[in-house]
Amino acid sequence: MIGPVTVAGQPTDEELRSLRSQGYSTVINIRMPGELDEPEGPKVEAAGLRYVEIPYTIQTVTEDDVRRVREAIESAPPGSKVLTH
């Protein structure tokens, strides 16, 4: 965890459901399309969290990707945590 931001591997469905009770408000998914077996957004939103998808890899990351991640983190409610994976 770096400040309010946690960088993690792929969370399980159970972990996604428990994030809100741990103070998280936002999940940022940076995984590329096709890496997940099923859509994650509906699960995150059903848990009462904001879902942001910004797919990139170390080979494809752009300044715009970095800007979008920063904006997603900065727009999280004050005092809440952000999970990125």
PDB file of N, CA and C in Angstrom:
ATOM      1  N   MET A   1       0.847  -1.180   0.000  1.00  0.00           N
ATOM      2  CA  MET A   1       0.000   0.000   0.000  1.00  0.00           C
ATOM      3  C   MET A   1       0.888   1.238   0.000  1.00  0.00           C
ATOM      4  N   ILE A   2       0.605   2.163  -0.885  1.00  0.00           N
ATOM      5  CA  ILE A   2       1.324   3.427  -0.976  1.00  0.00           C
ATOM      6  C   ILE A   2       0.285   4.520  -0.729  1.00  0.00           C
ATOM      7  N   GLY A   3       0.291   5.099   0.465  1.00  0.00           N
ATOM      8  CA  GLY A   3      -0.767   6.052   0.811  1.00  0.00           C
ATOM      9  C   GLY A   3      -2.098   5.338   0.736  1.00  0.00           C
ATOM     10  N   PRO A   4      -3.060   5.923   0.031  1.00  0.00           N
ATOM     11  CA  PRO A   4      -4.367   5.279  -0.061  1.00  0.00           C
ATOM     12  C   PRO A   4      -4.457   4.256  -1.202  1.00  0.00           C
ATOM     13  N   VAL A   5      -3.344   3.980  -1.881  1.00  0.00           N
ATOM     14  CA  VAL A   5      -3.364   3.120  -3.067  1.00  0.00           C
ATOM     15  C   VAL A   5      -2.714   1.774  -2.761  1.00  0.00           C
ATOM     16  N   THR A   6      -3.430   0.707  -3.095  1.00  0.00           N
ATOM     17  CA  THR A   6      -2.904  -0.640  -2.972  1.00  0.00           C
ATOM     18  C   THR A   6      -2.728  -1.200  -4.376  1.00  0.00           C
ATOM     19  N   VAL A   7      -1.555  -1.757  -4.661  1.00  0.00           N
ATOM     20  CA  VAL A   7      -1.290  -2.435  -5.930  1.00  0.00           C
ATOM     21  C   VAL A   7      -1.273  -3.923  -5.621  1.00  0.00           C
ATOM     22  N   ALA A   8      -2.095  -4.689  -6.331  1.00  0.00           N
ATOM     23  CA  ALA A   8      -2.260  -6.100  -6.007  1.00  0.00           C
ATOM     24  C   ALA A   8      -2.387  -6.931  -7.274  1.00  0.00           C
ATOM     25  N   GLY A   9      -2.354  -8.232  -7.068  1.00  0.00           N
ATOM     26  CA  GLY A   9      -2.685  -9.159  -8.138  1.00  0.00           C
ATOM     27  C   GLY A   9      -4.192  -9.190  -8.319  1.00  0.00           C
ATOM     28  N   GLN A  10      -4.660 -10.083  -9.166  1.00  0.00           N
ATOM     29  CA  GLN A  10      -6.088 -10.187  -9.437  1.00  0.00           C
ATOM     30  C   GLN A  10      -6.854 -10.586  -8.175  1.00  0.00           C
ATOM     31  N   PRO A  11      -7.785  -9.744  -7.703  1.00  0.00           N
ATOM     32  CA  PRO A  11      -8.565 -10.108  -6.529  1.00  0.00           C
ATOM     33  C   PRO A  11      -9.611 -11.173  -6.867  1.00  0.00           C
ATOM     34  N   THR A  12      -9.905 -12.003  -5.888  1.00  0.00           N
ATOM     35  CA  THR A  12     -10.968 -12.986  -6.049  1.00  0.00           C
ATOM     36  C   THR A  12     -12.314 -12.278  -5.912  1.00  0.00           C
ATOM     37  N   ASP A  13     -13.383 -12.983  -6.271  1.00  0.00           N
ATOM     38  CA  ASP A  13     -14.722 -12.409  -6.118  1.00  0.00           C
ATOM     39  C   ASP A  13     -14.988 -12.078  -4.653  1.00  0.00           C
ATOM     40  N   GLU A  14     -14.576 -12.957  -3.752  1.00  0.00           N
ATOM     41  CA  GLU A  14     -14.766 -12.714  -2.324  1.00  0.00           C
ATOM     42  C   GLU A  14     -14.009 -11.472  -1.870  1.00  0.00           C
ATOM     43  N   GLU A  15     -12.789 -11.308  -2.357  1.00  0.00           N
ATOM     44  CA  GLU A  15     -12.004 -10.125  -2.000  1.00  0.00           C
ATOM     45  C   GLU A  15     -12.656  -8.854  -2.530  1.00  0.00           C
ATOM     46  N   LEU A  16     -13.194  -8.909  -3.748  1.00  0.00           N
ATOM     47  CA  LEU A  16     -13.882  -7.740  -4.296  1.00  0.00           C
ATOM     48  C   LEU A  16     -15.068  -7.353  -3.419  1.00  0.00           C
ATOM     49  N   ARG A  17     -15.832  -8.351  -2.977  1.00  0.00           N
ATOM     50  CA  ARG A  17     -17.005  -8.070  -2.141  1.00  0.00           C
ATOM     51  C   ARG A  17     -16.625  -7.466  -0.793  1.00  0.00           C
ATOM     52  N   SER A  18     -15.417  -7.745  -0.310  1.00  0.00           N
ATOM     53  CA  SER A  18     -15.028  -7.263   1.019  1.00  0.00           C
ATOM     54  C   SER A  18     -14.315  -5.910   0.996  1.00  0.00           C
ATOM     55  N   LEU A  19     -14.007  -5.375  -0.174  1.00  0.00           N
ATOM     56  CA  LEU A  19     -13.213  -4.148  -0.258  1.00  0.00           C
ATOM     57  C   LEU A  19     -13.891  -2.942   0.392  1.00  0.00           C
ATOM     58  N   ARG A  20     -15.172  -2.791   0.174  1.00  0.00           N
ATOM     59  CA  ARG A  20     -15.858  -1.609   0.710  1.00  0.00           C
ATOM     60  C   ARG A  20     -15.766  -1.567   2.228  1.00  0.00           C
ATOM     61  N   SER A  21     -15.911  -2.735   2.871  1.00  0.00           N
ATOM     62  CA  SER A  21     -15.841  -2.768   4.335  1.00  0.00           C
ATOM     63  C   SER A  21     -14.434  -2.483   4.846  1.00  0.00           C
ATOM     64  N   GLN A  22     -13.451  -2.522   3.948  1.00  0.00           N
ATOM     65  CA  GLN A  22     -12.071  -2.223   4.313  1.00  0.00           C
ATOM     66  C   GLN A  22     -11.684  -0.775   3.983  1.00  0.00           C
ATOM     67  N   GLY A  23     -12.668   0.009   3.530  1.00  0.00           N
ATOM     68  CA  GLY A  23     -12.420   1.419   3.265  1.00  0.00           C
ATOM     69  C   GLY A  23     -12.086   1.763   1.824  1.00  0.00           C
ATOM     70  N   TYR A  24     -12.213   0.798   0.914  1.00  0.00           N
ATOM     71  CA  TYR A  24     -11.946   1.070  -0.500  1.00  0.00           C
ATOM     72  C   TYR A  24     -13.173   1.669  -1.162  1.00  0.00           C
ATOM     73  N   SER A  25     -12.945   2.550  -2.120  1.00  0.00           N
ATOM     74  CA  SER A  25     -14.036   3.154  -2.885  1.00  0.00           C
ATOM     75  C   SER A  25     -13.907   2.882  -4.376  1.00  0.00           C
ATOM     76  N   THR A  26     -12.693   2.550  -4.821  1.00  0.00           N
ATOM     77  CA  THR A  26     -12.403   2.484  -6.254  1.00  0.00           C
ATOM     78  C   THR A  26     -11.507   1.305  -6.564  1.00  0.00           C
ATOM     79  N   VAL A  27     -11.802   0.647  -7.690  1.00  0.00           N
ATOM     80  CA  VAL A  27     -10.935  -0.403  -8.227  1.00  0.00           C
ATOM     81  C   VAL A  27     -10.510   0.034  -9.619  1.00  0.00           C
ATOM     82  N   ILE A  28      -9.195   0.087  -9.836  1.00  0.00           N
ATOM     83  CA  ILE A  28      -8.654   0.415 -11.156  1.00  0.00           C
ATOM     84  C   ILE A  28      -8.058  -0.875 -11.736  1.00  0.00           C
ATOM     85  N   ASN A  29      -8.607  -1.304 -12.842  1.00  0.00           N
ATOM     86  CA  ASN A  29      -8.143  -2.518 -13.513  1.00  0.00           C
ATOM     87  C   ASN A  29      -7.256  -2.110 -14.687  1.00  0.00           C
ATOM     88  N   ILE A  30      -5.980  -2.493 -14.628  1.00  0.00           N
ATOM     89  CA  ILE A  30      -5.059  -2.156 -15.722  1.00  0.00           C
ATOM     90  C   ILE A  30      -4.777  -3.362 -16.615  1.00  0.00           C
ATOM     91  N   ARG A  31      -5.471  -4.465 -16.365  1.00  0.00           N
ATOM     92  CA  ARG A  31      -5.234  -5.675 -17.156  1.00  0.00           C
ATOM     93  C   ARG A  31      -5.749  -5.490 -18.570  1.00  0.00           C
ATOM     94  N   MET A  32      -5.099  -6.177 -19.494  1.00  0.00           N
ATOM     95  CA  MET A  32      -5.468  -6.072 -20.896  1.00  0.00           C
ATOM     96  C   MET A  32      -6.749  -6.857 -21.184  1.00  0.00           C
ATOM     97  N   PRO A  33      -7.502  -6.430 -22.207  1.00  0.00           N
ATOM     98  CA  PRO A  33      -8.713  -7.170 -22.580  1.00  0.00           C
ATOM     99  C   PRO A  33      -8.354  -8.633 -22.857  1.00  0.00           C
ATOM    100  N   GLY A  34      -9.208  -9.513 -22.435  1.00  0.00           N
ATOM    101  CA  GLY A  34      -8.986 -10.934 -22.657  1.00  0.00           C
ATOM    102  C   GLY A  34      -8.231 -11.629 -21.540  1.00  0.00           C
ATOM    103  N   GLU A  35      -7.665 -10.869 -20.598  1.00  0.00           N
ATOM    104  CA  GLU A  35      -6.937 -11.489 -19.486  1.00  0.00           C
ATOM    105  C   GLU A  35      -7.878 -12.048 -18.424  1.00  0.00           C
ATOM    106  N   LEU A  36      -9.083 -11.532 -18.345  1.00  0.00           N
ATOM    107  CA  LEU A  36     -10.036 -11.988 -17.340  1.00  0.00           C
ATOM    108  C   LEU A  36     -11.009 -12.986 -17.964  1.00  0.00           C
ATOM    109  N   ASP A  37     -11.416 -13.972 -17.187  1.00  0.00           N
ATOM    110  CA  ASP A  37     -12.363 -14.972 -17.674  1.00  0.00           C
ATOM    111  C   ASP A  37     -13.767 -14.409 -17.839  1.00  0.00           C
ATOM    112  N   GLU A  38     -14.106 -13.416 -17.011  1.00  0.00           N
ATOM    113  CA  GLU A  38     -15.423 -12.792 -17.082  1.00  0.00           C
ATOM    114  C   GLU A  38     -15.291 -11.324 -16.686  1.00  0.00           C
ATOM    115  N   PRO A  39     -16.244 -10.498 -17.099  1.00  0.00           N
ATOM    116  CA  PRO A  39     -16.150  -9.066 -16.798  1.00  0.00           C
ATOM    117  C   PRO A  39     -16.099  -8.800 -15.291  1.00  0.00           C
ATOM    118  N   GLU A  40     -15.219  -7.898 -14.896  1.00  0.00           N
ATOM    119  CA  GLU A  40     -15.052  -7.560 -13.492  1.00  0.00           C
ATOM    120  C   GLU A  40     -15.907  -6.368 -13.075  1.00  0.00           C
ATOM    121  N   GLY A  41     -16.147  -5.453 -13.995  1.00  0.00           N
ATOM    122  CA  GLY A  41     -16.877  -4.231 -13.672  1.00  0.00           C
ATOM    123  C   GLY A  41     -18.190  -4.460 -12.945  1.00  0.00           C
ATOM    124  N   PRO A  42     -19.065  -5.337 -13.444  1.00  0.00           N
ATOM    125  CA  PRO A  42     -20.339  -5.549 -12.753  1.00  0.00           C
ATOM    126  C   PRO A  42     -20.165  -6.060 -11.315  1.00  0.00           C
ATOM    127  N   LYS A  43     -19.163  -6.873 -11.077  1.00  0.00           N
ATOM    128  CA  LYS A  43     -18.904  -7.390  -9.721  1.00  0.00           C
ATOM    129  C   LYS A  43     -18.472  -6.256  -8.790  1.00  0.00           C
ATOM    130  N   VAL A  44     -17.594  -5.408  -9.286  1.00  0.00           N
ATOM    131  CA  VAL A  44     -17.095  -4.288  -8.487  1.00  0.00           C
ATOM    132  C   VAL A  44     -18.233  -3.319  -8.176  1.00  0.00           C
ATOM    133  N   GLU A  45     -19.008  -2.989  -9.177  1.00  0.00           N
ATOM    134  CA  GLU A  45     -20.116  -2.057  -8.987  1.00  0.00           C
ATOM    135  C   GLU A  45     -21.192  -2.639  -8.071  1.00  0.00           C
ATOM    136  N   ALA A  46     -21.432  -3.953  -8.153  1.00  0.00           N
ATOM    137  CA  ALA A  46     -22.398  -4.603  -7.262  1.00  0.00           C
ATOM    138  C   ALA A  46     -21.934  -4.538  -5.807  1.00  0.00           C
ATOM    139  N   ALA A  47     -20.622  -4.441  -5.602  1.00  0.00           N
ATOM    140  CA  ALA A  47     -20.065  -4.328  -4.253  1.00  0.00           C
ATOM    141  C   ALA A  47     -20.091  -2.887  -3.751  1.00  0.00           C
ATOM    142  N   GLY A  48     -20.636  -1.975  -4.567  1.00  0.00           N
ATOM    143  CA  GLY A  48     -20.753  -0.573  -4.158  1.00  0.00           C
ATOM    144  C   GLY A  48     -19.505   0.248  -4.394  1.00  0.00           C
ATOM    145  N   LEU A  49     -18.660  -0.209  -5.312  1.00  0.00           N
ATOM    146  CA  LEU A  49     -17.399   0.479  -5.609  1.00  0.00           C
ATOM    147  C   LEU A  49     -17.418   1.047  -7.016  1.00  0.00           C
ATOM    148  N   ARG A  50     -16.590   2.039  -7.235  1.00  0.00           N
ATOM    149  CA  ARG A  50     -16.417   2.605  -8.579  1.00  0.00           C
ATOM    150  C   ARG A  50     -15.397   1.743  -9.319  1.00  0.00           C
ATOM    151  N   TYR A  51     -15.678   1.460 -10.582  1.00  0.00           N
ATOM    152  CA  TYR A  51     -14.795   0.638 -11.410  1.00  0.00           C
ATOM    153  C   TYR A  51     -14.223   1.484 -12.534  1.00  0.00           C
ATOM    154  N   VAL A  52     -12.887   1.460 -12.666  1.00  0.00           N
ATOM    155  CA  VAL A  52     -12.197   2.197 -13.721  1.00  0.00           C
ATOM    156  C   VAL A  52     -11.306   1.208 -14.452  1.00  0.00           C
ATOM    157  N   GLU A  53     -11.432   1.178 -15.765  1.00  0.00           N
ATOM    158  CA  GLU A  53     -10.639   0.254 -16.576  1.00  0.00           C
ATOM    159  C   GLU A  53      -9.686   1.061 -17.461  1.00  0.00           C
ATOM    160  N   ILE A  54      -8.382   0.833 -17.257  1.00  0.00           N
ATOM    161  CA  ILE A  54      -7.352   1.522 -18.035  1.00  0.00           C
ATOM    162  C   ILE A  54      -6.313   0.466 -18.426  1.00  0.00           C
ATOM    163  N   PRO A  55      -6.586  -0.311 -19.460  1.00  0.00           N
ATOM    164  CA  PRO A  55      -5.686  -1.423 -19.794  1.00  0.00           C
ATOM    165  C   PRO A  55      -4.367  -0.961 -20.412  1.00  0.00           C
ATOM    166  N   TYR A  56      -3.283  -1.495 -19.846  1.00  0.00           N
ATOM    167  CA  TYR A  56      -1.959  -1.271 -20.421  1.00  0.00           C
ATOM    168  C   TYR A  56      -0.992  -2.310 -19.890  1.00  0.00           C
ATOM    169  N   THR A  57       0.134  -2.402 -20.549  1.00  0.00           N
ATOM    170  CA  THR A  57       1.242  -3.242 -20.080  1.00  0.00           C
ATOM    171  C   THR A  57       2.462  -2.341 -19.987  1.00  0.00           C
ATOM    172  N   ILE A  58       3.531  -2.868 -19.434  1.00  0.00           N
ATOM    173  CA  ILE A  58       4.771  -2.085 -19.348  1.00  0.00           C
ATOM    174  C   ILE A  58       5.261  -1.698 -20.752  1.00  0.00           C
ATOM    175  N   GLN A  59       4.926  -2.516 -21.742  1.00  0.00           N
ATOM    176  CA  GLN A  59       5.338  -2.220 -23.115  1.00  0.00           C
ATOM    177  C   GLN A  59       4.421  -1.215 -23.815  1.00  0.00           C
ATOM    178  N   THR A  60       3.174  -1.093 -23.341  1.00  0.00           N
ATOM    179  CA  THR A  60       2.220  -0.235 -24.049  1.00  0.00           C
ATOM    180  C   THR A  60       1.821   1.023 -23.290  1.00  0.00           C
ATOM    181  N   VAL A  61       2.269   1.180 -22.044  1.00  0.00           N
ATOM    182  CA  VAL A  61       1.824   2.304 -21.222  1.00  0.00           C
ATOM    183  C   VAL A  61       2.206   3.637 -21.866  1.00  0.00           C
ATOM    184  N   THR A  62       1.257   4.576 -21.813  1.00  0.00           N
ATOM    185  CA  THR A  62       1.471   5.903 -22.386  1.00  0.00           C
ATOM    186  C   THR A  62       1.310   6.962 -21.294  1.00  0.00           C
ATOM    187  N   GLU A  63       1.685   8.173 -21.617  1.00  0.00           N
ATOM    188  CA  GLU A  63       1.481   9.278 -20.679  1.00  0.00           C
ATOM    189  C   GLU A  63      -0.007   9.454 -20.379  1.00  0.00           C
ATOM    190  N   ASP A  64      -0.855   9.213 -21.375  1.00  0.00           N
ATOM    191  CA  ASP A  64      -2.295   9.327 -21.162  1.00  0.00           C
ATOM    192  C   ASP A  64      -2.786   8.273 -20.161  1.00  0.00           C
ATOM    193  N   ASP A  65      -2.256   7.050 -20.241  1.00  0.00           N
ATOM    194  CA  ASP A  65      -2.623   6.012 -19.270  1.00  0.00           C
ATOM    195  C   ASP A  65      -2.267   6.458 -17.857  1.00  0.00           C
ATOM    196  N   VAL A  66      -1.073   6.975 -17.691  1.00  0.00           N
ATOM    197  CA  VAL A  66      -0.613   7.438 -16.377  1.00  0.00           C
ATOM    198  C   VAL A  66      -1.493   8.579 -15.875  1.00  0.00           C
ATOM    199  N   ARG A  67      -1.825   9.502 -16.754  1.00  0.00           N
ATOM    200  CA  ARG A  67      -2.704  10.625 -16.394  1.00  0.00           C
ATOM    201  C   ARG A  67      -4.064  10.104 -15.944  1.00  0.00           C
ATOM    202  N   ARG A  68      -4.634   9.154 -16.673  1.00  0.00           N
ATOM    203  CA  ARG A  68      -5.949   8.612 -16.337  1.00  0.00           C
ATOM    204  C   ARG A  68      -5.935   7.877 -14.994  1.00  0.00           C
ATOM    205  N   VAL A  69      -4.866   7.132 -14.719  1.00  0.00           N
ATOM    206  CA  VAL A  69      -4.750   6.463 -13.417  1.00  0.00           C
ATOM    207  C   VAL A  69      -4.666   7.506 -12.306  1.00  0.00           C
ATOM    208  N   ARG A  70      -3.836   8.509 -12.510  1.00  0.00           N
ATOM    209  CA  ARG A  70      -3.703   9.567 -11.503  1.00  0.00           C
ATOM    210  C   ARG A  70      -5.054  10.244 -11.253  1.00  0.00           C
ATOM    211  N   GLU A  71      -5.789  10.553 -12.306  1.00  0.00           N
ATOM    212  CA  GLU A  71      -7.096  11.197 -12.156  1.00  0.00           C
ATOM    213  C   GLU A  71      -8.080  10.291 -11.408  1.00  0.00           C
ATOM    214  N   ALA A  72      -8.038   8.998 -11.688  1.00  0.00           N
ATOM    215  CA  ALA A  72      -8.932   8.061 -10.995  1.00  0.00           C
ATOM    216  C   ALA A  72      -8.607   8.013  -9.512  1.00  0.00           C
ATOM    217  N   ILE A  73      -7.329   8.031  -9.183  1.00  0.00           N
ATOM    218  CA  ILE A  73      -6.916   8.027  -7.776  1.00  0.00           C
ATOM    219  C   ILE A  73      -7.320   9.330  -7.103  1.00  0.00           C
ATOM    220  N   GLU A  74      -7.039  10.444  -7.747  1.00  0.00           N
ATOM    221  CA  GLU A  74      -7.321  11.749  -7.157  1.00  0.00           C
ATOM    222  C   GLU A  74      -8.812  12.026  -7.016  1.00  0.00           C
ATOM    223  N   SER A  75      -9.642  11.376  -7.821  1.00  0.00           N
ATOM    224  CA  SER A  75     -11.093  11.618  -7.754  1.00  0.00           C
ATOM    225  C   SER A  75     -11.801  10.676  -6.787  1.00  0.00           C
ATOM    226  N   ALA A  76     -11.064   9.786  -6.145  1.00  0.00           N
ATOM    227  CA  ALA A  76     -11.654   8.918  -5.126  1.00  0.00           C
ATOM    228  C   ALA A  76     -12.084   9.784  -3.939  1.00  0.00           C
ATOM    229  N   PRO A  77     -13.152   9.387  -3.263  1.00  0.00           N
ATOM    230  CA  PRO A  77     -13.595  10.175  -2.105  1.00  0.00           C
ATOM    231  C   PRO A  77     -12.473  10.336  -1.073  1.00  0.00           C
ATOM    232  N   PRO A  78     -12.371  11.517  -0.470  1.00  0.00           N
ATOM    233  CA  PRO A  78     -11.331  11.751   0.546  1.00  0.00           C
ATOM    234  C   PRO A  78     -11.396  10.698   1.655  1.00  0.00           C
ATOM    235  N   GLY A  79     -10.228  10.220   2.039  1.00  0.00           N
ATOM    236  CA  GLY A  79     -10.139   9.242   3.115  1.00  0.00           C
ATOM    237  C   GLY A  79     -10.370   7.812   2.702  1.00  0.00           C
ATOM    238  N   SER A  80     -10.730   7.586   1.435  1.00  0.00           N
ATOM    239  CA  SER A  80     -10.957   6.216   0.978  1.00  0.00           C
ATOM    240  C   SER A  80      -9.711   5.659   0.331  1.00  0.00           C
ATOM    241  N   LYS A  81      -9.713   4.356   0.114  1.00  0.00           N
ATOM    242  CA  LYS A  81      -8.581   3.675  -0.514  1.00  0.00           C
ATOM    243  C   LYS A  81      -8.931   3.297  -1.945  1.00  0.00           C
ATOM    244  N   VAL A  82      -7.873   3.070  -2.733  1.00  0.00           N
ATOM    245  CA  VAL A  82      -7.989   2.681  -4.128  1.00  0.00           C
ATOM    246  C   VAL A  82      -7.187   1.401  -4.337  1.00  0.00           C
ATOM    247  N   LEU A  83      -7.807   0.415  -4.980  1.00  0.00           N
ATOM    248  CA  LEU A  83      -7.102  -0.811  -5.344  1.00  0.00           C
ATOM    249  C   LEU A  83      -6.835  -0.772  -6.828  1.00  0.00           C
ATOM    250  N   THR A  84      -5.593  -0.998  -7.215  1.00  0.00           N
ATOM    251  CA  THR A  84      -5.261  -1.118  -8.628  1.00  0.00           C
ATOM    252  C   THR A  84      -4.607  -2.466  -8.861  1.00  0.00           C
ATOM    253  N   HIS A  85      -4.985  -3.065  -9.974  1.00  0.00           N
ATOM    254  CA  HIS A  85      -4.415  -4.376 -10.317  1.00  0.00           C
ATOM    255  C   HIS A  85      -4.376  -4.541 -11.811  1.00  0.00           C
TER     256      HIS A  85
END
